[in-house]
Amino acid sequence: MMRLGLVGAAVALAVTLTGCGGEDSSELGGEVSSSEEGAPNGGDGGSDEGDDEGGDGGDSDVAALPEMAVEDVCALVPDEVAEAALGAPIGEEPQGQSFEGLGVNCIWETADGFEGPQLKIEFNTLMWQGSSSLAGPGGEVGEIDGHETVSYEGGGGEFVLVVKLGGDDEPALYIEAPEADGAEAVAVATLESLG
């Protein structure tokens, strides 16, 4: 499985979009104008008008997700959920990477390390539009706990699930897991942890 996933793609996209002008790539993000009940930003069931456009509702917890600390991202998924998704016990403490202005991830491995099954969750500045477009024509659209999803088989045989957390120009939850059921269970656990 790829270690950098969408964060690496976001780096390439940011470099492409900013060129050599030295612009801050963290300005690629947007804001959520409202939230729905069960949304990760603790929504109050308000209107979802403007969500698809990113809105103008000020600061958003969703927009801040790519700036989380690695250990906080890893804490979103309980060990028992990660082990069930992997189909085996966790080998070592989960680890991840953070790229300032681009995103953060957490990776769980079995005792087989890099050679065995892996589970990864990621929040990045590629946003829902970019993340979901990676599915291509073979991607399946669905829904988990009221959140739109796109899923597809990744290039390394892993199952990829992308969960929309806010507007189209908001960060998405990107999950790589050995199987679809595991990815969906991780999505549910992550959404519950986010509140």
C-alpha atoms as a PDB file:
ATOM      1  CA  MET A   1       0.000   0.000   0.000  1.00  0.00           C
ATOM      2  CA  MET A   2       1.076   3.549  -0.558  1.00  0.00           C
ATOM      3  CA  ARG A   3       2.376   5.278   2.555  1.00  0.00           C
ATOM      4  CA  LEU A   4       1.727   8.848   1.469  1.00  0.00           C
ATOM      5  CA  GLY A   5      -1.627   8.349  -0.262  1.00  0.00           C
ATOM      6  CA  LEU A   6      -3.566  11.514  -0.731  1.00  0.00           C
ATOM      7  CA  VAL A   7      -1.177  13.650   1.307  1.00  0.00           C
ATOM      8  CA  GLY A   8       1.452  12.954  -1.368  1.00  0.00           C
ATOM      9  CA  ALA A   9      -1.092  13.764  -4.060  1.00  0.00           C
ATOM     10  CA  ALA A  10      -1.996  16.951  -2.190  1.00  0.00           C
ATOM     11  CA  VAL A  11       1.676  17.940  -2.113  1.00  0.00           C
ATOM     12  CA  ALA A  12       1.892  17.469  -5.872  1.00  0.00           C
ATOM     13  CA  LEU A  13      -1.365  19.356  -6.387  1.00  0.00           C
ATOM     14  CA  ALA A  14      -0.241  22.220  -4.144  1.00  0.00           C
ATOM     15  CA  VAL A  15       3.058  22.507  -5.978  1.00  0.00           C
ATOM     16  CA  THR A  16       1.229  22.488  -9.293  1.00  0.00           C
ATOM     17  CA  LEU A  17      -1.331  25.071  -8.181  1.00  0.00           C
ATOM     18  CA  THR A  18       1.128  27.409  -6.481  1.00  0.00           C
ATOM     19  CA  GLY A  19       3.947  27.072  -8.990  1.00  0.00           C
ATOM     20  CA  CYS A  20       7.078  28.892  -7.968  1.00  0.00           C
ATOM     21  CA  GLY A  21       5.205  31.918  -6.648  1.00  0.00           C
ATOM     22  CA  GLY A  22       5.699  30.882  -3.031  1.00  0.00           C
ATOM     23  CA  GLU A  23       2.019  31.120  -2.147  1.00  0.00           C
ATOM     24  CA  ASP A  24       0.896  29.428   1.054  1.00  0.00           C
ATOM     25  CA  SER A  25      -0.684  26.118   0.057  1.00  0.00           C
ATOM     26  CA  SER A  26      -2.817  26.153   3.219  1.00  0.00           C
ATOM     27  CA  GLU A  27      -5.005  28.738   1.498  1.00  0.00           C
ATOM     28  CA  LEU A  28      -6.388  25.978  -0.730  1.00  0.00           C
ATOM     29  CA  GLY A  29      -8.985  25.121   1.951  1.00  0.00           C
ATOM     30  CA  GLY A  30     -12.569  26.318   2.340  1.00  0.00           C
ATOM     31  CA  GLU A  31     -15.099  26.712   5.100  1.00  0.00           C
ATOM     32  CA  VAL A  32     -18.326  24.945   6.029  1.00  0.00           C
ATOM     33  CA  SER A  33     -21.292  27.275   6.188  1.00  0.00           C
ATOM     34  CA  SER A  34     -23.528  25.030   8.240  1.00  0.00           C
ATOM     35  CA  SER A  35     -23.730  21.577   9.669  1.00  0.00           C
ATOM     36  CA  GLU A  36     -26.053  18.664   9.923  1.00  0.00           C
ATOM     37  CA  GLU A  37     -26.889  16.623  12.998  1.00  0.00           C
ATOM     38  CA  GLY A  38     -24.156  14.075  13.479  1.00  0.00           C
ATOM     39  CA  ALA A  39     -21.710  16.101  11.406  1.00  0.00           C
ATOM     40  CA  PRO A  40     -18.138  16.072  12.686  1.00  0.00           C
ATOM     41  CA  ASN A  41     -18.256  19.711  13.708  1.00  0.00           C
ATOM     42  CA  GLY A  42     -20.950  19.020  16.285  1.00  0.00           C
ATOM     43  CA  GLY A  43     -23.762  20.219  14.057  1.00  0.00           C
ATOM     44  CA  ASP A  44     -27.009  21.444  15.456  1.00  0.00           C
ATOM     45  CA  GLY A  45     -29.201  20.197  12.625  1.00  0.00           C
ATOM     46  CA  GLY A  46     -29.195  23.590  10.945  1.00  0.00           C
ATOM     47  CA  SER A  47     -29.624  24.230   7.269  1.00  0.00           C
ATOM     48  CA  ASP A  48     -27.279  22.525   4.864  1.00  0.00           C
ATOM     49  CA  GLU A  49     -27.687  25.301   2.343  1.00  0.00           C
ATOM     50  CA  GLY A  50     -24.338  26.242   0.875  1.00  0.00           C
ATOM     51  CA  ASP A  51     -22.513  23.052   1.927  1.00  0.00           C
ATOM     52  CA  ASP A  52     -21.729  22.105  -1.654  1.00  0.00           C
ATOM     53  CA  GLU A  53     -20.081  25.437  -2.302  1.00  0.00           C
ATOM     54  CA  GLY A  54     -18.113  25.603   0.929  1.00  0.00           C
ATOM     55  CA  GLY A  55     -20.211  28.506   2.189  1.00  0.00           C
ATOM     56  CA  ASP A  56     -19.203  31.547   4.134  1.00  0.00           C
ATOM     57  CA  GLY A  57     -20.002  30.464   7.674  1.00  0.00           C
ATOM     58  CA  GLY A  58     -16.646  31.232   9.282  1.00  0.00           C
ATOM     59  CA  ASP A  59     -14.281  28.811  10.965  1.00  0.00           C
ATOM     60  CA  SER A  60     -15.063  25.132  10.816  1.00  0.00           C
ATOM     61  CA  ASP A  61     -13.850  22.108  12.746  1.00  0.00           C
ATOM     62  CA  VAL A  62     -13.853  20.237   9.429  1.00  0.00           C
ATOM     63  CA  ALA A  63     -11.448  22.746   7.871  1.00  0.00           C
ATOM     64  CA  ALA A  64      -9.060  22.247  10.813  1.00  0.00           C
ATOM     65  CA  LEU A  65      -8.881  18.440  10.541  1.00  0.00           C
ATOM     66  CA  PRO A  66      -5.757  18.368   8.285  1.00  0.00           C
ATOM     67  CA  GLU A  67      -3.908  20.306  11.019  1.00  0.00           C
ATOM     68  CA  MET A  68      -4.597  17.746  13.785  1.00  0.00           C
ATOM     69  CA  ALA A  69      -1.673  16.167  15.604  1.00  0.00           C
ATOM     70  CA  VAL A  70      -0.833  12.644  14.396  1.00  0.00           C
ATOM     71  CA  GLU A  71      -1.549  11.154  17.832  1.00  0.00           C
ATOM     72  CA  ASP A  72      -4.991  12.803  17.862  1.00  0.00           C
ATOM     73  CA  VAL A  73      -5.817  11.312  14.458  1.00  0.00           C
ATOM     74  CA  CYS A  74      -4.671   7.877  15.647  1.00  0.00           C
ATOM     75  CA  ALA A  75      -6.848   8.206  18.768  1.00  0.00           C
ATOM     76  CA  LEU A  76      -9.998   8.565  16.633  1.00  0.00           C
ATOM     77  CA  VAL A  77     -10.076   4.817  15.914  1.00  0.00           C
ATOM     78  CA  PRO A  78     -10.255   2.421  18.882  1.00  0.00           C
ATOM     79  CA  ASP A  79      -7.704  -0.413  18.812  1.00  0.00           C
ATOM     80  CA  GLU A  80     -10.406  -3.077  18.592  1.00  0.00           C
ATOM     81  CA  VAL A  81     -11.885  -1.418  15.484  1.00  0.00           C
ATOM     82  CA  ALA A  82      -8.435  -1.115  13.884  1.00  0.00           C
ATOM     83  CA  GLU A  83      -7.649  -4.782  14.655  1.00  0.00           C
ATOM     84  CA  ALA A  84     -10.981  -5.919  13.216  1.00  0.00           C
ATOM     85  CA  ALA A  85     -10.324  -3.878  10.056  1.00  0.00           C
ATOM     86  CA  LEU A  86      -6.829  -5.376   9.750  1.00  0.00           C
ATOM     87  CA  GLY A  87      -8.048  -8.898  10.458  1.00  0.00           C
ATOM     88  CA  ALA A  88      -5.139  -9.355  12.887  1.00  0.00           C
ATOM     89  CA  PRO A  89      -3.687  -7.805  16.052  1.00  0.00           C
ATOM     90  CA  ILE A  90      -1.887  -4.482  15.760  1.00  0.00           C
ATOM     91  CA  GLY A  91       1.874  -5.029  15.639  1.00  0.00           C
ATOM     92  CA  GLU A  92       3.076  -1.687  17.009  1.00  0.00           C
ATOM     93  CA  GLU A  93       1.561   1.602  18.043  1.00  0.00           C
ATOM     94  CA  PRO A  94       0.036   3.350  15.037  1.00  0.00           C
ATOM     95  CA  GLN A  95       2.164   6.009  13.410  1.00  0.00           C
ATOM     96  CA  GLY A  96       1.485   8.725  10.912  1.00  0.00           C
ATOM     97  CA  GLN A  97       2.788  11.742   9.126  1.00  0.00           C
ATOM     98  CA  SER A  98       1.820  15.384   9.166  1.00  0.00           C
ATOM     99  CA  PHE A  99       2.568  17.811   6.355  1.00  0.00           C
ATOM    100  CA  GLU A 100       1.971  21.408   7.394  1.00  0.00           C
ATOM    101  CA  GLY A 101      -0.794  22.926   5.305  1.00  0.00           C
ATOM    102  CA  LEU A 102      -1.424  19.665   3.438  1.00  0.00           C
ATOM    103  CA  GLY A 103      -2.747  17.046   5.826  1.00  0.00           C
ATOM    104  CA  VAL A 104      -2.196  14.335   8.390  1.00  0.00           C
ATOM    105  CA  ASN A 105      -2.592  10.565   8.472  1.00  0.00           C
ATOM    106  CA  CYS A 106      -2.360   7.587  10.811  1.00  0.00           C
ATOM    107  CA  ILE A 107      -1.297   4.067   9.782  1.00  0.00           C
ATOM    108  CA  TRP A 108      -1.855   0.818  11.671  1.00  0.00           C
ATOM    109  CA  GLU A 109       0.118  -2.311  10.800  1.00  0.00           C
ATOM    110  CA  THR A 110       0.098  -5.908  11.979  1.00  0.00           C
ATOM    111  CA  ALA A 111       3.173  -7.712  13.325  1.00  0.00           C
ATOM    112  CA  ASP A 112       4.153  -8.228   9.662  1.00  0.00           C
ATOM    113  CA  GLY A 113       4.803  -4.476   9.396  1.00  0.00           C
ATOM    114  CA  PHE A 114       4.904  -2.964   5.934  1.00  0.00           C
ATOM    115  CA  GLU A 115       4.619  -6.424   4.327  1.00  0.00           C
ATOM    116  CA  GLY A 116       1.288  -7.190   6.028  1.00  0.00           C
ATOM    117  CA  PRO A 117      -2.151  -5.600   5.900  1.00  0.00           C
ATOM    118  CA  GLN A 118      -2.378  -1.929   6.749  1.00  0.00           C
ATOM    119  CA  LEU A 119      -5.097   0.489   7.758  1.00  0.00           C
ATOM    120  CA  LYS A 120      -4.799   4.202   7.094  1.00  0.00           C
ATOM    121  CA  ILE A 121      -6.992   7.203   7.802  1.00  0.00           C
ATOM    122  CA  GLU A 122      -6.172  10.636   6.472  1.00  0.00           C
ATOM    123  CA  PHE A 123      -7.474  14.200   6.463  1.00  0.00           C
ATOM    124  CA  ASN A 124      -5.943  16.330   3.715  1.00  0.00           C
ATOM    125  CA  THR A 125      -6.357  19.561   1.805  1.00  0.00           C
ATOM    126  CA  LEU A 126      -7.108  17.736  -1.450  1.00  0.00           C
ATOM    127  CA  MET A 127     -10.731  18.194  -0.322  1.00  0.00           C
ATOM    128  CA  TRP A 128     -13.814  16.118  -1.100  1.00  0.00           C
ATOM    129  CA  GLN A 129     -13.823  16.996  -4.804  1.00  0.00           C
ATOM    130  CA  GLY A 130     -10.217  15.914  -5.324  1.00  0.00           C
ATOM    131  CA  SER A 131     -10.388  12.897  -3.043  1.00  0.00           C
ATOM    132  CA  SER A 132     -13.621  11.540  -4.482  1.00  0.00           C
ATOM    133  CA  SER A 133     -12.523  12.157  -8.069  1.00  0.00           C
ATOM    134  CA  LEU A 134      -9.685   9.654  -7.587  1.00  0.00           C
ATOM    135  CA  ALA A 135     -12.348   6.917  -7.694  1.00  0.00           C
ATOM    136  CA  GLY A 136     -12.793   7.437 -11.428  1.00  0.00           C
ATOM    137  CA  PRO A 137     -15.640   5.824 -13.330  1.00  0.00           C
ATOM    138  CA  GLY A 138     -15.440   2.620 -11.257  1.00  0.00           C
ATOM    139  CA  GLY A 139     -16.131   4.309  -7.929  1.00  0.00           C
ATOM    140  CA  GLU A 140     -19.288   3.473  -6.036  1.00  0.00           C
ATOM    141  CA  VAL A 141     -21.279   6.276  -4.424  1.00  0.00           C
ATOM    142  CA  GLY A 142     -22.868   5.527  -1.067  1.00  0.00           C
ATOM    143  CA  GLU A 143     -23.642   6.917   2.362  1.00  0.00           C
ATOM    144  CA  ILE A 144     -22.504   6.244   5.930  1.00  0.00           C
ATOM    145  CA  ASP A 145     -24.281   7.874   8.868  1.00  0.00           C
ATOM    146  CA  GLY A 146     -25.656  10.616   6.607  1.00  0.00           C
ATOM    147  CA  HIS A 147     -22.313  11.352   4.954  1.00  0.00           C
ATOM    148  CA  GLU A 148     -21.829  10.886   1.214  1.00  0.00           C
ATOM    149  CA  THR A 149     -19.118   8.358   0.318  1.00  0.00           C
ATOM    150  CA  VAL A 150     -17.175   7.142  -2.691  1.00  0.00           C
ATOM    151  CA  SER A 151     -15.399   3.798  -2.590  1.00  0.00           C
ATOM    152  CA  TYR A 152     -13.146   1.892  -4.949  1.00  0.00           C
ATOM    153  CA  GLU A 153     -10.470  -0.773  -5.155  1.00  0.00           C
ATOM    154  CA  GLY A 154      -7.035   0.845  -4.770  1.00  0.00           C
ATOM    155  CA  GLY A 155      -4.028   0.104  -6.956  1.00  0.00           C
ATOM    156  CA  GLY A 156      -2.395  -2.097  -4.305  1.00  0.00           C
ATOM    157  CA  GLY A 157      -5.481  -4.249  -3.748  1.00  0.00           C
ATOM    158  CA  GLU A 158      -6.663  -2.217  -0.765  1.00  0.00           C
ATOM    159  CA  PHE A 159     -10.208  -0.935  -0.402  1.00  0.00           C
ATOM    160  CA  VAL A 160     -10.456   2.868  -0.410  1.00  0.00           C
ATOM    161  CA  LEU A 161     -13.351   4.773   1.151  1.00  0.00           C
ATOM    162  CA  VAL A 162     -13.670   8.566   1.005  1.00  0.00           C
ATOM    163  CA  VAL A 163     -16.212  10.187   3.337  1.00  0.00           C
ATOM    164  CA  LYS A 164     -17.558  13.696   2.754  1.00  0.00           C
ATOM    165  CA  LEU A 165     -17.412  15.667   6.011  1.00  0.00           C
ATOM    166  CA  GLY A 166     -18.546  19.120   4.880  1.00  0.00           C
ATOM    167  CA  GLY A 167     -18.784  21.040   1.629  1.00  0.00           C
ATOM    168  CA  ASP A 168     -17.152  20.067  -1.642  1.00  0.00           C
ATOM    169  CA  ASP A 169     -14.151  22.252  -0.859  1.00  0.00           C
ATOM    170  CA  GLU A 170     -13.724  20.892   2.685  1.00  0.00           C
ATOM    171  CA  PRO A 171     -11.318  18.144   3.743  1.00  0.00           C
ATOM    172  CA  ALA A 172     -12.614  14.605   3.486  1.00  0.00           C
ATOM    173  CA  LEU A 173     -11.901  11.469   5.501  1.00  0.00           C
ATOM    174  CA  TYR A 174      -9.821   9.096   3.354  1.00  0.00           C
ATOM    175  CA  ILE A 175      -9.536   5.458   4.500  1.00  0.00           C
ATOM    176  CA  GLU A 176      -7.493   2.559   3.108  1.00  0.00           C
ATOM    177  CA  ALA A 177      -8.264  -0.890   4.549  1.00  0.00           C
ATOM    178  CA  PRO A 178      -7.860  -4.496   3.442  1.00  0.00           C
ATOM    179  CA  GLU A 179     -11.653  -4.978   3.041  1.00  0.00           C
ATOM    180  CA  ALA A 180     -14.796  -2.891   2.557  1.00  0.00           C
ATOM    181  CA  ASP A 181     -16.403  -3.928   5.861  1.00  0.00           C
ATOM    182  CA  GLY A 182     -13.322  -2.848   7.796  1.00  0.00           C
ATOM    183  CA  ALA A 183     -13.161   0.526   6.047  1.00  0.00           C
ATOM    184  CA  GLU A 184     -16.841   1.147   6.774  1.00  0.00           C
ATOM    185  CA  ALA A 185     -16.424   0.224  10.468  1.00  0.00           C
ATOM    186  CA  VAL A 186     -13.442   2.582  10.705  1.00  0.00           C
ATOM    187  CA  ALA A 187     -15.513   5.363   9.079  1.00  0.00           C
ATOM    188  CA  VAL A 188     -18.335   4.880  11.607  1.00  0.00           C
ATOM    189  CA  ALA A 189     -15.879   4.873  14.544  1.00  0.00           C
ATOM    190  CA  THR A 190     -14.062   7.958  13.240  1.00  0.00           C
ATOM    191  CA  LEU A 191     -17.308   9.875  12.706  1.00  0.00           C
ATOM    192  CA  GLU A 192     -18.435   8.949  16.249  1.00  0.00           C
ATOM    193  CA  SER A 193     -15.107  10.117  17.689  1.00  0.00           C
ATOM    194  CA  LEU A 194     -15.336  13.411  15.826  1.00  0.00           C
ATOM    195  CA  GLY A 195     -18.769  13.961  17.375  1.00  0.00           C
END
